[in-house]
Amino acid sequence: MKRLLTLLMLVMFSSMVLTACNTVAGAGKDVQKAGEKVSDKAQDCKDMKC
């Protein structure tokens, strides 16, 4: 019984860690895209002398 409980806890912990990694990676991609848009807009304004 102890072995089953330990295995169950290990599986639950592993699934939480993997889910968190995917969430953070997705958020990082969103922030990167937003930064690219800001950079592009700044370059456009620089070229047009806004």
Protein backbone atom coordinates (compact mmCIF):
# COMPACT_ATOMS: atom_id res chain seq x y z
CA MET A 1 0.00 0.00 0.00
CA LYS A 2 2.84 2.38 0.84
CA ARG A 3 4.46 1.69 -2.50
CA LEU A 4 1.24 2.45 -4.38
CA LEU A 5 0.76 5.71 -2.50
CA THR A 6 4.36 6.75 -3.18
CA LEU A 7 3.99 5.94 -6.87
CA LEU A 8 0.73 7.88 -7.07
CA MET A 9 2.32 10.93 -5.44
CA LEU A 10 5.28 10.76 -7.80
CA VAL A 11 2.98 10.65 -10.84
CA MET A 12 0.96 13.61 -9.56
CA PHE A 13 4.08 15.67 -8.86
CA SER A 14 5.54 14.87 -12.29
CA SER A 15 2.36 15.89 -14.08
CA MET A 16 2.27 19.21 -12.22
CA VAL A 17 5.89 19.97 -13.08
CA LEU A 18 5.40 19.18 -16.77
CA THR A 19 2.23 21.27 -16.95
CA ALA A 20 3.98 24.22 -15.34
CA CYS A 21 6.83 24.01 -17.85
CA ASN A 22 4.41 24.13 -20.78
CA THR A 23 2.56 27.08 -19.26
CA VAL A 24 5.73 29.08 -18.68
CA ALA A 25 7.01 28.29 -22.18
CA GLY A 26 3.73 29.48 -23.69
CA ALA A 27 3.78 32.67 -21.68
CA GLY A 28 7.36 33.31 -22.77
CA LYS A 29 6.37 32.99 -26.42
CA ASP A 30 3.49 35.44 -25.91
CA VAL A 31 5.78 37.99 -24.26
CA GLN A 32 8.34 37.55 -27.03
CA LYS A 33 5.72 38.23 -29.73
CA ALA A 34 4.53 41.32 -27.89
CA GLY A 35 8.11 42.57 -27.64
CA GLU A 36 8.62 42.02 -31.36
CA LYS A 37 5.51 44.09 -32.15
CA VAL A 38 6.69 46.94 -29.92
CA SER A 39 10.12 46.80 -31.54
CA ASP A 40 8.60 46.85 -35.02
CA LYS A 41 6.41 49.84 -34.15
CA ALA A 42 9.38 51.70 -32.67
CA GLN A 43 11.37 51.05 -35.85
CA ASP A 44 8.45 52.31 -37.98
CA CYS A 45 8.27 55.52 -35.94
CA LYS A 46 12.02 55.96 -36.14
CA ASP A 47 11.92 55.64 -39.93
CA MET A 48 8.99 58.10 -40.25
CA LYS A 49 10.33 60.51 -37.61
CA CYS A 50 7.18 60.23 -35.42
